Structures are given as C-alpha cells and as structure tokens.
Amino acid sequence: MKKVSNSASALRDLIKHAMEDCEVTPDEYKQIMDCAHADGHIDKEEKALLAEFQALLSNGTIKRVKGC
C-alpha cells in the first residue's frame, strides 16, 4: 500500500480543522491552497482532499468568513 505524502497529510489536517469549526477564513483558505501547491505537484490524494473541501464549501457545510 502506498504511503500518503507529507503534503497530503498536512492538507488533510488543515481541512479537518476547517470542518471542525465549520468555517474558513481567507488566511486559512490561502494556507490550504498553499499547502496543496507547496511541492509543485498535486497528487491523487491532494486532488481528492481539495475536491471534498470544495464540495463542503459549495454545500454550505464549511462557510467562508471574513478574517479578524
């Protein structure tokens, strides 16, 4: 079984945090996108995580809020 990349693990943790508080600030959103692109390659796991994140934003599970 293939090990999940470090960047995918970090991305999963960032998205999990957004899911826990049901919101994402502009800084958190940027952090998620930067994490996905940090290694210059979006692998299969990262694509799946980003798709899930976008779905949660689209259906209102996670709300985009203004930063502090």
PDB file of N, CA and C in Angstrom:
ATOM      1  N   MET A   1       0.840  -1.182   0.000  1.00  0.00           N
ATOM      2  CA  MET A   1       0.000   0.000   0.000  1.00  0.00           C
ATOM      3  C   MET A   1       0.884   1.243   0.000  1.00  0.00           C
ATOM      4  N   LYS A   2       0.552   2.200  -0.839  1.00  0.00           N
ATOM      5  CA  LYS A   2       1.328   3.423  -0.971  1.00  0.00           C
ATOM      6  C   LYS A   2       1.077   4.349   0.213  1.00  0.00           C
ATOM      7  N   LYS A   3       2.163   4.920   0.738  1.00  0.00           N
ATOM      8  CA  LYS A   3       2.059   5.856   1.860  1.00  0.00           C
ATOM      9  C   LYS A   3       1.579   7.209   1.337  1.00  0.00           C
ATOM     10  N   VAL A   4       0.714   7.853   2.102  1.00  0.00           N
ATOM     11  CA  VAL A   4       0.205   9.176   1.762  1.00  0.00           C
ATOM     12  C   VAL A   4       1.347  10.175   1.922  1.00  0.00           C
ATOM     13  N   SER A   5       1.459  11.115   0.987  1.00  0.00           N
ATOM     14  CA  SER A   5       2.531  12.105   1.024  1.00  0.00           C
ATOM     15  C   SER A   5       2.402  13.014   2.241  1.00  0.00           C
ATOM     16  N   ASN A   6       3.532  13.585   2.638  1.00  0.00           N
ATOM     17  CA  ASN A   6       3.528  14.519   3.773  1.00  0.00           C
ATOM     18  C   ASN A   6       2.629  15.710   3.487  1.00  0.00           C
ATOM     19  N   SER A   7       2.665  16.198   2.242  1.00  0.00           N
ATOM     20  CA  SER A   7       1.837  17.356   1.908  1.00  0.00           C
ATOM     21  C   SER A   7       0.351  17.000   1.968  1.00  0.00           C
ATOM     22  N   ALA A   8      -0.011  15.778   1.576  1.00  0.00           N
ATOM     23  CA  ALA A   8      -1.411  15.353   1.654  1.00  0.00           C
ATOM     24  C   ALA A   8      -1.843  15.232   3.115  1.00  0.00           C
ATOM     25  N   SER A   9      -0.960  14.753   3.964  1.00  0.00           N
ATOM     26  CA  SER A   9      -1.281  14.655   5.396  1.00  0.00           C
ATOM     27  C   SER A   9      -1.487  16.029   6.007  1.00  0.00           C
ATOM     28  N   ALA A  10      -0.616  16.981   5.655  1.00  0.00           N
ATOM     29  CA  ALA A  10      -0.748  18.345   6.169  1.00  0.00           C
ATOM     30  C   ALA A  10      -2.032  18.979   5.645  1.00  0.00           C
ATOM     31  N   LEU A  11      -2.331  18.753   4.379  1.00  0.00           N
ATOM     32  CA  LEU A  11      -3.546  19.291   3.780  1.00  0.00           C
ATOM     33  C   LEU A  11      -4.780  18.721   4.474  1.00  0.00           C
ATOM     34  N   ARG A  12      -4.777  17.424   4.740  1.00  0.00           N
ATOM     35  CA  ARG A  12      -5.892  16.781   5.435  1.00  0.00           C
ATOM     36  C   ARG A  12      -6.109  17.416   6.806  1.00  0.00           C
ATOM     37  N   ASP A  13      -5.024  17.705   7.520  1.00  0.00           N
ATOM     38  CA  ASP A  13      -5.135  18.315   8.846  1.00  0.00           C
ATOM     39  C   ASP A  13      -5.735  19.720   8.771  1.00  0.00           C
ATOM     40  N   LEU A  14      -5.323  20.500   7.769  1.00  0.00           N
ATOM     41  CA  LEU A  14      -5.863  21.852   7.613  1.00  0.00           C
ATOM     42  C   LEU A  14      -7.360  21.812   7.288  1.00  0.00           C
ATOM     43  N   ILE A  15      -7.738  20.912   6.402  1.00  0.00           N
ATOM     44  CA  ILE A  15      -9.150  20.793   6.025  1.00  0.00           C
ATOM     45  C   ILE A  15      -9.962  20.268   7.207  1.00  0.00           C
ATOM     46  N   LYS A  16      -9.389  19.334   7.950  1.00  0.00           N
ATOM     47  CA  LYS A  16     -10.079  18.794   9.135  1.00  0.00           C
ATOM     48  C   LYS A  16     -10.370  19.911  10.134  1.00  0.00           C
ATOM     49  N   HIS A  17      -9.419  20.817  10.309  1.00  0.00           N
ATOM     50  CA  HIS A  17      -9.635  21.945  11.224  1.00  0.00           C
ATOM     51  C   HIS A  17     -10.799  22.815  10.742  1.00  0.00           C
ATOM     52  N   ALA A  18     -10.853  23.078   9.450  1.00  0.00           N
ATOM     53  CA  ALA A  18     -11.957  23.874   8.892  1.00  0.00           C
ATOM     54  C   ALA A  18     -13.291  23.160   9.100  1.00  0.00           C
ATOM     55  N   MET A  19     -13.298  21.845   8.982  1.00  0.00           N
ATOM     56  CA  MET A  19     -14.527  21.072   9.177  1.00  0.00           C
ATOM     57  C   MET A  19     -14.972  21.115  10.640  1.00  0.00           C
ATOM     58  N   GLU A  20     -14.017  21.101  11.557  1.00  0.00           N
ATOM     59  CA  GLU A  20     -14.349  21.090  12.980  1.00  0.00           C
ATOM     60  C   GLU A  20     -15.041  22.374  13.423  1.00  0.00           C
ATOM     61  N   ASP A  21     -14.586  23.519  12.892  1.00  0.00           N
ATOM     62  CA  ASP A  21     -15.247  24.768  13.299  1.00  0.00           C
ATOM     63  C   ASP A  21     -16.227  25.291  12.243  1.00  0.00           C
ATOM     64  N   CYS A  22     -16.426  24.511  11.177  1.00  0.00           N
ATOM     65  CA  CYS A  22     -17.432  24.797  10.133  1.00  0.00           C
ATOM     66  C   CYS A  22     -17.235  26.139   9.437  1.00  0.00           C
ATOM     67  N   GLU A  23     -16.010  26.663   9.479  1.00  0.00           N
ATOM     68  CA  GLU A  23     -15.735  27.907   8.784  1.00  0.00           C
ATOM     69  C   GLU A  23     -14.269  27.975   8.385  1.00  0.00           C
ATOM     70  N   VAL A  24     -14.009  28.831   7.407  1.00  0.00           N
ATOM     71  CA  VAL A  24     -12.639  29.028   6.948  1.00  0.00           C
ATOM     72  C   VAL A  24     -12.454  30.522   6.662  1.00  0.00           C
ATOM     73  N   THR A  25     -11.403  31.084   7.224  1.00  0.00           N
ATOM     74  CA  THR A  25     -11.076  32.486   6.993  1.00  0.00           C
ATOM     75  C   THR A  25     -10.269  32.598   5.703  1.00  0.00           C
ATOM     76  N   PRO A  26     -10.122  33.812   5.177  1.00  0.00           N
ATOM     77  CA  PRO A  26      -9.277  33.970   3.988  1.00  0.00           C
ATOM     78  C   PRO A  26      -7.849  33.468   4.212  1.00  0.00           C
ATOM     79  N   ASP A  27      -7.293  33.707   5.393  1.00  0.00           N
ATOM     80  CA  ASP A  27      -5.940  33.224   5.690  1.00  0.00           C
ATOM     81  C   ASP A  27      -5.883  31.699   5.716  1.00  0.00           C
ATOM     82  N   GLU A  28      -6.891  31.063   6.310  1.00  0.00           N
ATOM     83  CA  GLU A  28      -6.938  29.596   6.346  1.00  0.00           C
ATOM     84  C   GLU A  28      -7.112  29.028   4.934  1.00  0.00           C
ATOM     85  N   TYR A  29      -7.953  29.667   4.141  1.00  0.00           N
ATOM     86  CA  TYR A  29      -8.158  29.226   2.758  1.00  0.00           C
ATOM     87  C   TYR A  29      -6.840  29.304   1.988  1.00  0.00           C
ATOM     88  N   LYS A  30      -6.123  30.412   2.134  1.00  0.00           N
ATOM     89  CA  LYS A  30      -4.833  30.574   1.464  1.00  0.00           C
ATOM     90  C   LYS A  30      -3.847  29.519   1.945  1.00  0.00           C
ATOM     91  N   GLN A  31      -3.859  29.250   3.230  1.00  0.00           N
ATOM     92  CA  GLN A  31      -2.962  28.241   3.799  1.00  0.00           C
ATOM     93  C   GLN A  31      -3.257  26.864   3.194  1.00  0.00           C
ATOM     94  N   ILE A  32      -4.524  26.533   3.022  1.00  0.00           N
ATOM     95  CA  ILE A  32      -4.908  25.259   2.421  1.00  0.00           C
ATOM     96  C   ILE A  32      -4.411  25.187   0.976  1.00  0.00           C
ATOM     97  N   MET A  33      -4.638  26.254   0.211  1.00  0.00           N
ATOM     98  CA  MET A  33      -4.206  26.266  -1.189  1.00  0.00           C
ATOM     99  C   MET A  33      -2.686  26.242  -1.308  1.00  0.00           C
ATOM    100  N   ASP A  34      -2.005  26.993  -0.449  1.00  0.00           N
ATOM    101  CA  ASP A  34      -0.538  26.997  -0.462  1.00  0.00           C
ATOM    102  C   ASP A  34       0.019  25.623  -0.120  1.00  0.00           C
ATOM    103  N   CYS A  35      -0.600  24.956   0.831  1.00  0.00           N
ATOM    104  CA  CYS A  35      -0.171  23.618   1.224  1.00  0.00           C
ATOM    105  C   CYS A  35      -0.312  22.643   0.056  1.00  0.00           C
ATOM    106  N   ALA A  36      -1.409  22.738  -0.662  1.00  0.00           N
ATOM    107  CA  ALA A  36      -1.652  21.843  -1.793  1.00  0.00           C
ATOM    108  C   ALA A  36      -0.623  22.047  -2.897  1.00  0.00           C
ATOM    109  N   HIS A  37      -0.167  23.278  -3.068  1.00  0.00           N
ATOM    110  CA  HIS A  37       0.762  23.597  -4.151  1.00  0.00           C
ATOM    111  C   HIS A  37       2.221  23.674  -3.700  1.00  0.00           C
ATOM    112  N   ALA A  38       2.498  23.451  -2.441  1.00  0.00           N
ATOM    113  CA  ALA A  38       3.833  23.657  -1.877  1.00  0.00           C
ATOM    114  C   ALA A  38       4.928  22.852  -2.568  1.00  0.00           C
ATOM    115  N   ASP A  39       4.644  21.617  -2.916  1.00  0.00           N
ATOM    116  CA  ASP A  39       5.684  20.782  -3.521  1.00  0.00           C
ATOM    117  C   ASP A  39       5.674  20.846  -5.053  1.00  0.00           C
ATOM    118  N   GLY A  40       4.827  21.716  -5.601  1.00  0.00           N
ATOM    119  CA  GLY A  40       4.783  21.885  -7.048  1.00  0.00           C
ATOM    120  C   GLY A  40       4.043  20.786  -7.785  1.00  0.00           C
ATOM    121  N   HIS A  41       3.410  19.883  -7.044  1.00  0.00           N
ATOM    122  CA  HIS A  41       2.684  18.770  -7.653  1.00  0.00           C
ATOM    123  C   HIS A  41       1.474  18.435  -6.785  1.00  0.00           C
ATOM    124  N   ILE A  42       0.314  18.360  -7.408  1.00  0.00           N
ATOM    125  CA  ILE A  42      -0.888  17.953  -6.675  1.00  0.00           C
ATOM    126  C   ILE A  42      -1.129  16.485  -7.000  1.00  0.00           C
ATOM    127  N   ASP A  43      -0.887  15.631  -6.008  1.00  0.00           N
ATOM    128  CA  ASP A  43      -1.044  14.193  -6.224  1.00  0.00           C
ATOM    129  C   ASP A  43      -2.503  13.769  -6.071  1.00  0.00           C
ATOM    130  N   LYS A  44      -2.746  12.493  -6.269  1.00  0.00           N
ATOM    131  CA  LYS A  44      -4.109  11.954  -6.252  1.00  0.00           C
ATOM    132  C   LYS A  44      -4.823  12.221  -4.930  1.00  0.00           C
ATOM    133  N   GLU A  45      -4.125  12.028  -3.831  1.00  0.00           N
ATOM    134  CA  GLU A  45      -4.732  12.244  -2.518  1.00  0.00           C
ATOM    135  C   GLU A  45      -5.091  13.716  -2.313  1.00  0.00           C
ATOM    136  N   GLU A  46      -4.194  14.602  -2.737  1.00  0.00           N
ATOM    137  CA  GLU A  46      -4.454  16.035  -2.593  1.00  0.00           C
ATOM    138  C   GLU A  46      -5.633  16.461  -3.461  1.00  0.00           C
ATOM    139  N   LYS A  47      -5.727  15.920  -4.670  1.00  0.00           N
ATOM    140  CA  LYS A  47      -6.867  16.231  -5.544  1.00  0.00           C
ATOM    141  C   LYS A  47      -8.175  15.819  -4.887  1.00  0.00           C
ATOM    142  N   ALA A  48      -8.192  14.649  -4.283  1.00  0.00           N
ATOM    143  CA  ALA A  48      -9.401  14.156  -3.620  1.00  0.00           C
ATOM    144  C   ALA A  48      -9.755  15.045  -2.424  1.00  0.00           C
ATOM    145  N   LEU A  49      -8.757  15.442  -1.643  1.00  0.00           N
ATOM    146  CA  LEU A  49      -8.997  16.304  -0.488  1.00  0.00           C
ATOM    147  C   LEU A  49      -9.518  17.670  -0.923  1.00  0.00           C
ATOM    148  N   LEU A  50      -8.926  18.228  -1.976  1.00  0.00           N
ATOM    149  CA  LEU A  50      -9.381  19.527  -2.462  1.00  0.00           C
ATOM    150  C   LEU A  50     -10.797  19.445  -3.027  1.00  0.00           C
ATOM    151  N   ALA A  51     -11.115  18.352  -3.693  1.00  0.00           N
ATOM    152  CA  ALA A  51     -12.472  18.168  -4.219  1.00  0.00           C
ATOM    153  C   ALA A  51     -13.473  18.088  -3.073  1.00  0.00           C
ATOM    154  N   GLU A  52     -13.129  17.364  -2.024  1.00  0.00           N
ATOM    155  CA  GLU A  52     -14.011  17.255  -0.859  1.00  0.00           C
ATOM    156  C   GLU A  52     -14.174  18.626  -0.198  1.00  0.00           C
ATOM    157  N   PHE A  53     -13.077  19.358  -0.068  1.00  0.00           N
ATOM    158  CA  PHE A  53     -13.112  20.690   0.529  1.00  0.00           C
ATOM    159  C   PHE A  53     -14.026  21.612  -0.283  1.00  0.00           C
ATOM    160  N   GLN A  54     -13.888  21.604  -1.587  1.00  0.00           N
ATOM    161  CA  GLN A  54     -14.732  22.439  -2.448  1.00  0.00           C
ATOM    162  C   GLN A  54     -16.204  22.039  -2.323  1.00  0.00           C
ATOM    163  N   ALA A  55     -16.479  20.745  -2.225  1.00  0.00           N
ATOM    164  CA  ALA A  55     -17.856  20.278  -2.062  1.00  0.00           C
ATOM    165  C   ALA A  55     -18.442  20.782  -0.748  1.00  0.00           C
ATOM    166  N   LEU A  56     -17.639  20.754   0.319  1.00  0.00           N
ATOM    167  CA  LEU A  56     -18.101  21.231   1.625  1.00  0.00           C
ATOM    168  C   LEU A  56     -18.362  22.735   1.605  1.00  0.00           C
ATOM    169  N   LEU A  57     -17.555  23.474   0.851  1.00  0.00           N
ATOM    170  CA  LEU A  57     -17.802  24.908   0.688  1.00  0.00           C
ATOM    171  C   LEU A  57     -19.070  25.138  -0.125  1.00  0.00           C
ATOM    172  N   SER A  58     -19.229  24.377  -1.195  1.00  0.00           N
ATOM    173  CA  SER A  58     -20.379  24.546  -2.088  1.00  0.00           C
ATOM    174  C   SER A  58     -21.704  24.233  -1.408  1.00  0.00           C
ATOM    175  N   ASN A  59     -21.713  23.187  -0.581  1.00  0.00           N
ATOM    176  CA  ASN A  59     -22.980  22.808   0.043  1.00  0.00           C
ATOM    177  C   ASN A  59     -23.231  23.520   1.380  1.00  0.00           C
ATOM    178  N   GLY A  60     -22.314  24.399   1.783  1.00  0.00           N
ATOM    179  CA  GLY A  60     -22.518  25.203   2.975  1.00  0.00           C
ATOM    180  C   GLY A  60     -22.082  24.561   4.280  1.00  0.00           C
ATOM    181  N   THR A  61     -21.530  23.368   4.212  1.00  0.00           N
ATOM    182  CA  THR A  61     -21.036  22.716   5.434  1.00  0.00           C
ATOM    183  C   THR A  61     -19.931  23.550   6.065  1.00  0.00           C
ATOM    184  N   ILE A  62     -19.037  24.068   5.218  1.00  0.00           N
ATOM    185  CA  ILE A  62     -17.998  24.987   5.650  1.00  0.00           C
ATOM    186  C   ILE A  62     -18.310  26.341   5.040  1.00  0.00           C
ATOM    187  N   LYS A  63     -18.334  27.360   5.861  1.00  0.00           N
ATOM    188  CA  LYS A  63     -18.633  28.708   5.398  1.00  0.00           C
ATOM    189  C   LYS A  63     -17.351  29.532   5.332  1.00  0.00           C
ATOM    190  N   ARG A  64     -17.219  30.331   4.292  1.00  0.00           N
ATOM    191  CA  ARG A  64     -16.101  31.274   4.201  1.00  0.00           C
ATOM    192  C   ARG A  64     -16.493  32.512   4.997  1.00  0.00           C
ATOM    193  N   VAL A  65     -15.624  32.913   5.915  1.00  0.00           N
ATOM    194  CA  VAL A  65     -15.883  34.071   6.767  1.00  0.00           C
ATOM    195  C   VAL A  65     -14.760  35.090   6.596  1.00  0.00           C
ATOM    196  N   LYS A  66     -15.029  36.314   7.016  1.00  0.00           N
ATOM    197  CA  LYS A  66     -14.020  37.352   6.979  1.00  0.00           C
ATOM    198  C   LYS A  66     -12.975  37.091   8.048  1.00  0.00           C
ATOM    199  N   GLY A  67     -11.763  37.494   7.775  1.00  0.00           N
ATOM    200  CA  GLY A  67     -10.690  37.357   8.769  1.00  0.00           C
ATOM    201  C   GLY A  67     -10.842  38.365   9.891  1.00  0.00           C
ATOM    202  N   CYS A  68     -10.043  38.195  10.907  1.00  0.00           N
ATOM    203  CA  CYS A  68     -10.104  39.092  12.080  1.00  0.00           C
ATOM    204  C   CYS A  68      -9.543  40.442  11.781  1.00  0.00           C
TER     205      CYS A  68
END
